[in-house]
Amino acid sequence: MLHEVTGDILLTKAQAIAHGVAPNDHFDQGLALALRERWPAMAKDFRHYAYATHPKPGELWAWAGVGGVRIYNLLTQEGAHEQGAKPGKATLANVNHCLKRLRHELEQAEVKSLALPKLATGVGALAWPDVQALIVKHLGDLPIPIYLYTSYHKDQQASEPGA
């Protein structure tokens, strides 16, 4: 059940949040920065994970924090692991792979609700209608509420049906 909402995704009542990053992300822009500021351990754990495994675009890395928060880091963007490499742009192929993996994770972990931003459209530079079509394709028939945050309003709690 997809629901388009407006507000601040950090105030979601959803059990999990998913967002796009690069394999070498520094969590220094957009939603990734806000998540790092709220859960600094997540960014630190991601750096350790990336350093140890050199993940590829299209993969997913899940993080669970204190209080039951779950963050799904979708590697939608390109990005090399060499020293000084900058995160690249997202691709629809990477988003497609990530959403397939995300669906599997949501089903396996029995996640009850999910919040998503306009995935890969900020730093990732993809067109929202293209990404939205992939979200509908991969997640649209799940029996859980999925809140698509299509408009950001800082410090405003969205009206999340079923939350």
C-alpha atoms as a PDB file:
ATOM      1  CA  MET A   1       0.000   0.000   0.000  1.00  0.00           C
ATOM      2  CA  LEU A   2       1.755   3.093  -1.252  1.00  0.00           C
ATOM      3  CA  HIS A   3       0.857   6.458   0.272  1.00  0.00           C
ATOM      4  CA  GLU A   4       2.316   9.741  -0.973  1.00  0.00           C
ATOM      5  CA  VAL A   5       2.885  12.081   1.970  1.00  0.00           C
ATOM      6  CA  THR A   6       4.502  15.423   2.682  1.00  0.00           C
ATOM      7  CA  GLY A   7       6.564  16.250   5.734  1.00  0.00           C
ATOM      8  CA  ASP A   8       9.837  15.410   7.433  1.00  0.00           C
ATOM      9  CA  ILE A   9      10.805  11.757   6.932  1.00  0.00           C
ATOM     10  CA  LEU A  10      12.815  11.861  10.164  1.00  0.00           C
ATOM     11  CA  LEU A  11       9.504  12.205  12.022  1.00  0.00           C
ATOM     12  CA  THR A  12       7.977   9.116  10.417  1.00  0.00           C
ATOM     13  CA  LYS A  13       6.167   6.567  12.534  1.00  0.00           C
ATOM     14  CA  ALA A  14       7.215   3.849  10.057  1.00  0.00           C
ATOM     15  CA  GLN A  15       9.262   0.971  11.430  1.00  0.00           C
ATOM     16  CA  ALA A  16      11.969   1.449   8.782  1.00  0.00           C
ATOM     17  CA  ILE A  17      13.414   4.112   6.509  1.00  0.00           C
ATOM     18  CA  ALA A  18      15.118   3.413   3.177  1.00  0.00           C
ATOM     19  CA  HIS A  19      17.278   5.895   1.298  1.00  0.00           C
ATOM     20  CA  GLY A  20      19.849   5.958  -1.495  1.00  0.00           C
ATOM     21  CA  VAL A  21      23.609   6.214  -1.029  1.00  0.00           C
ATOM     22  CA  ALA A  22      26.810   5.471  -2.919  1.00  0.00           C
ATOM     23  CA  PRO A  23      29.146   2.586  -2.014  1.00  0.00           C
ATOM     24  CA  ASN A  24      31.667   5.170  -0.784  1.00  0.00           C
ATOM     25  CA  ASP A  25      29.160   7.626   0.686  1.00  0.00           C
ATOM     26  CA  HIS A  26      30.307  10.062   3.362  1.00  0.00           C
ATOM     27  CA  PHE A  27      26.737  10.843   4.488  1.00  0.00           C
ATOM     28  CA  ASP A  28      27.404  14.553   4.027  1.00  0.00           C
ATOM     29  CA  GLN A  29      24.461  15.640   1.844  1.00  0.00           C
ATOM     30  CA  GLY A  30      20.674  15.575   1.916  1.00  0.00           C
ATOM     31  CA  LEU A  31      18.821  12.887   3.808  1.00  0.00           C
ATOM     32  CA  ALA A  32      22.018  10.897   4.375  1.00  0.00           C
ATOM     33  CA  LEU A  33      23.438  13.850   6.325  1.00  0.00           C
ATOM     34  CA  ALA A  34      20.263  14.171   8.404  1.00  0.00           C
ATOM     35  CA  LEU A  35      20.370  10.437   9.163  1.00  0.00           C
ATOM     36  CA  ARG A  36      24.058  10.676  10.126  1.00  0.00           C
ATOM     37  CA  GLU A  37      23.312  13.549  12.478  1.00  0.00           C
ATOM     38  CA  ARG A  38      20.490  11.616  14.131  1.00  0.00           C
ATOM     39  CA  TRP A  39      22.212   8.198  14.192  1.00  0.00           C
ATOM     40  CA  PRO A  40      25.989   8.801  13.973  1.00  0.00           C
ATOM     41  CA  ALA A  41      26.659   5.124  14.733  1.00  0.00           C
ATOM     42  CA  MET A  42      24.967   4.193  11.458  1.00  0.00           C
ATOM     43  CA  ALA A  43      27.356   6.282   9.366  1.00  0.00           C
ATOM     44  CA  LYS A  44      30.328   4.929  11.311  1.00  0.00           C
ATOM     45  CA  ASP A  45      29.125   1.339  10.846  1.00  0.00           C
ATOM     46  CA  PHE A  46      28.582   1.979   7.127  1.00  0.00           C
ATOM     47  CA  ARG A  47      32.163   3.230   6.747  1.00  0.00           C
ATOM     48  CA  HIS A  48      33.452   0.034   8.402  1.00  0.00           C
ATOM     49  CA  TYR A  49      31.194  -2.092   6.202  1.00  0.00           C
ATOM     50  CA  ALA A  50      32.266  -0.296   3.009  1.00  0.00           C
ATOM     51  CA  TYR A  51      35.951  -0.469   3.925  1.00  0.00           C
ATOM     52  CA  ALA A  52      35.777  -4.187   4.699  1.00  0.00           C
ATOM     53  CA  THR A  53      33.546  -5.369   1.845  1.00  0.00           C
ATOM     54  CA  HIS A  54      33.824  -2.804  -0.997  1.00  0.00           C
ATOM     55  CA  PRO A  55      30.104  -3.066  -1.843  1.00  0.00           C
ATOM     56  CA  LYS A  56      28.892  -2.581  -5.393  1.00  0.00           C
ATOM     57  CA  PRO A  57      26.096  -0.343  -6.637  1.00  0.00           C
ATOM     58  CA  GLY A  58      22.751  -2.142  -6.616  1.00  0.00           C
ATOM     59  CA  GLU A  59      23.356  -3.730  -3.212  1.00  0.00           C
ATOM     60  CA  LEU A  60      21.630  -2.993   0.081  1.00  0.00           C
ATOM     61  CA  TRP A  61      23.031  -2.576   3.581  1.00  0.00           C
ATOM     62  CA  ALA A  62      20.643  -2.757   6.518  1.00  0.00           C
ATOM     63  CA  TRP A  63      21.316  -1.153   9.886  1.00  0.00           C
ATOM     64  CA  ALA A  64      19.361  -1.594  13.113  1.00  0.00           C
ATOM     65  CA  GLY A  65      19.760   0.873  15.928  1.00  0.00           C
ATOM     66  CA  VAL A  66      18.733   1.289  19.522  1.00  0.00           C
ATOM     67  CA  GLY A  67      14.990   1.511  19.992  1.00  0.00           C
ATOM     68  CA  GLY A  68      14.196  -0.716  17.031  1.00  0.00           C
ATOM     69  CA  VAL A  69      14.962   1.766  14.247  1.00  0.00           C
ATOM     70  CA  ARG A  70      15.895   0.160  10.911  1.00  0.00           C
ATOM     71  CA  ILE A  71      17.598   1.978   8.081  1.00  0.00           C
ATOM     72  CA  TYR A  72      17.958   0.399   4.652  1.00  0.00           C
ATOM     73  CA  ASN A  73      20.839   1.984   2.791  1.00  0.00           C
ATOM     74  CA  LEU A  74      20.226   1.351  -0.904  1.00  0.00           C
ATOM     75  CA  LEU A  75      23.365   1.649  -2.997  1.00  0.00           C
ATOM     76  CA  THR A  76      21.659   3.430  -5.864  1.00  0.00           C
ATOM     77  CA  GLN A  77      24.636   5.593  -6.847  1.00  0.00           C
ATOM     78  CA  GLU A  78      27.923   4.760  -8.491  1.00  0.00           C
ATOM     79  CA  GLY A  79      31.082   5.234  -6.461  1.00  0.00           C
ATOM     80  CA  ALA A  80      34.624   3.918  -6.373  1.00  0.00           C
ATOM     81  CA  HIS A  81      36.410   3.011  -3.149  1.00  0.00           C
ATOM     82  CA  GLU A  82      39.747   4.688  -3.903  1.00  0.00           C
ATOM     83  CA  GLN A  83      40.937   7.402  -1.519  1.00  0.00           C
ATOM     84  CA  GLY A  84      39.280  10.705  -2.407  1.00  0.00           C
ATOM     85  CA  ALA A  85      36.711   9.201  -4.813  1.00  0.00           C
ATOM     86  CA  LYS A  86      33.439  11.103  -4.861  1.00  0.00           C
ATOM     87  CA  PRO A  87      29.985   9.517  -4.923  1.00  0.00           C
ATOM     88  CA  GLY A  88      28.552   9.366  -8.438  1.00  0.00           C
ATOM     89  CA  LYS A  89      25.093   9.599  -9.913  1.00  0.00           C
ATOM     90  CA  ALA A  90      22.405   6.960  -9.512  1.00  0.00           C
ATOM     91  CA  THR A  91      21.251   4.691 -12.332  1.00  0.00           C
ATOM     92  CA  LEU A  92      17.840   3.145 -12.915  1.00  0.00           C
ATOM     93  CA  ALA A  93      19.517  -0.280 -13.098  1.00  0.00           C
ATOM     94  CA  ASN A  94      20.977   0.234  -9.610  1.00  0.00           C
ATOM     95  CA  VAL A  95      17.627   1.442  -8.251  1.00  0.00           C
ATOM     96  CA  ASN A  96      15.912  -1.577  -9.818  1.00  0.00           C
ATOM     97  CA  HIS A  97      18.351  -4.004  -8.155  1.00  0.00           C
ATOM     98  CA  CYS A  98      18.090  -2.211  -4.812  1.00  0.00           C
ATOM     99  CA  LEU A  99      14.310  -2.286  -4.804  1.00  0.00           C
ATOM    100  CA  LYS A 100      14.285  -6.021  -5.581  1.00  0.00           C
ATOM    101  CA  ARG A 101      16.604  -6.572  -2.623  1.00  0.00           C
ATOM    102  CA  LEU A 102      14.587  -4.221  -0.431  1.00  0.00           C
ATOM    103  CA  ARG A 103      11.378  -6.135  -1.119  1.00  0.00           C
ATOM    104  CA  HIS A 104      13.102  -9.373  -0.124  1.00  0.00           C
ATOM    105  CA  GLU A 105      14.461  -7.794   3.077  1.00  0.00           C
ATOM    106  CA  LEU A 106      11.084  -6.321   4.019  1.00  0.00           C
ATOM    107  CA  GLU A 107       9.404  -9.682   3.600  1.00  0.00           C
ATOM    108  CA  GLN A 108      12.108 -11.654   5.427  1.00  0.00           C
ATOM    109  CA  ALA A 109      12.387  -9.226   8.345  1.00  0.00           C
ATOM    110  CA  GLU A 110       8.608  -8.871   8.592  1.00  0.00           C
ATOM    111  CA  VAL A 111       8.831  -5.094   8.536  1.00  0.00           C
ATOM    112  CA  LYS A 112       5.438  -3.555   9.318  1.00  0.00           C
ATOM    113  CA  SER A 113       5.880  -0.162   7.571  1.00  0.00           C
ATOM    114  CA  LEU A 114       8.455   1.752   5.519  1.00  0.00           C
ATOM    115  CA  ALA A 115       9.214   5.394   4.719  1.00  0.00           C
ATOM    116  CA  LEU A 116      10.969   6.311   1.461  1.00  0.00           C
ATOM    117  CA  PRO A 117      12.082   9.682   0.105  1.00  0.00           C
ATOM    118  CA  LYS A 118      12.049  10.518  -3.599  1.00  0.00           C
ATOM    119  CA  LEU A 119      14.779   7.920  -3.947  1.00  0.00           C
ATOM    120  CA  ALA A 120      17.842   8.755  -6.090  1.00  0.00           C
ATOM    121  CA  THR A 121      16.395  12.047  -7.336  1.00  0.00           C
ATOM    122  CA  GLY A 122      18.477  14.492  -5.285  1.00  0.00           C
ATOM    123  CA  VAL A 123      22.212  13.810  -5.386  1.00  0.00           C
ATOM    124  CA  GLY A 124      21.445  10.760  -7.554  1.00  0.00           C
ATOM    125  CA  ALA A 125      19.936  13.044 -10.240  1.00  0.00           C
ATOM    126  CA  LEU A 126      17.291  10.638 -11.590  1.00  0.00           C
ATOM    127  CA  ALA A 127      13.819  11.692 -12.737  1.00  0.00           C
ATOM    128  CA  TRP A 128      11.128  11.014 -10.131  1.00  0.00           C
ATOM    129  CA  PRO A 129       8.553   9.516 -12.567  1.00  0.00           C
ATOM    130  CA  ASP A 130      11.116   6.871 -13.607  1.00  0.00           C
ATOM    131  CA  VAL A 131      12.019   6.002 -10.023  1.00  0.00           C
ATOM    132  CA  GLN A 132       8.412   6.105  -8.858  1.00  0.00           C
ATOM    133  CA  ALA A 133       7.469   3.552 -11.543  1.00  0.00           C
ATOM    134  CA  LEU A 134      10.127   1.171 -10.175  1.00  0.00           C
ATOM    135  CA  ILE A 135       8.887   1.670  -6.613  1.00  0.00           C
ATOM    136  CA  VAL A 136       5.333   0.852  -7.713  1.00  0.00           C
ATOM    137  CA  LYS A 137       6.581  -2.194  -9.642  1.00  0.00           C
ATOM    138  CA  HIS A 138       8.630  -3.669  -6.780  1.00  0.00           C
ATOM    139  CA  LEU A 139       6.841  -2.483  -3.634  1.00  0.00           C
ATOM    140  CA  GLY A 140       3.347  -1.439  -4.702  1.00  0.00           C
ATOM    141  CA  ASP A 141       1.664  -4.754  -3.943  1.00  0.00           C
ATOM    142  CA  LEU A 142       3.196  -5.301  -0.512  1.00  0.00           C
ATOM    143  CA  PRO A 143       0.568  -5.534   2.229  1.00  0.00           C
ATOM    144  CA  ILE A 144       2.354  -3.004   4.464  1.00  0.00           C
ATOM    145  CA  PRO A 145       2.055   0.791   4.442  1.00  0.00           C
ATOM    146  CA  ILE A 146       4.837   2.395   2.438  1.00  0.00           C
ATOM    147  CA  TYR A 147       5.053   6.157   2.814  1.00  0.00           C
ATOM    148  CA  LEU A 148       6.576   7.977  -0.158  1.00  0.00           C
ATOM    149  CA  TYR A 149       7.785  11.347   1.072  1.00  0.00           C
ATOM    150  CA  THR A 150       7.324  13.334  -2.124  1.00  0.00           C
ATOM    151  CA  SER A 151       7.610  16.788  -0.587  1.00  0.00           C
ATOM    152  CA  TYR A 152       9.943  17.702   2.287  1.00  0.00           C
ATOM    153  CA  HIS A 153       8.796  20.054   5.038  1.00  0.00           C
ATOM    154  CA  LYS A 154      11.294  20.321   7.884  1.00  0.00           C
ATOM    155  CA  ASP A 155       9.949  19.507  11.356  1.00  0.00           C
ATOM    156  CA  GLN A 156       6.463  18.723   9.981  1.00  0.00           C
ATOM    157  CA  GLN A 157       5.046  15.299  10.760  1.00  0.00           C
ATOM    158  CA  ALA A 158       3.297  13.740   7.785  1.00  0.00           C
ATOM    159  CA  SER A 159      -0.190  12.302   7.958  1.00  0.00           C
ATOM    160  CA  GLU A 160       0.671   8.607   7.518  1.00  0.00           C
ATOM    161  CA  PRO A 161      -2.459   6.480   6.939  1.00  0.00           C
ATOM    162  CA  GLY A 162      -2.403   3.345   9.082  1.00  0.00           C
ATOM    163  CA  ALA A 163       0.591   4.483  11.164  1.00  0.00           C
END
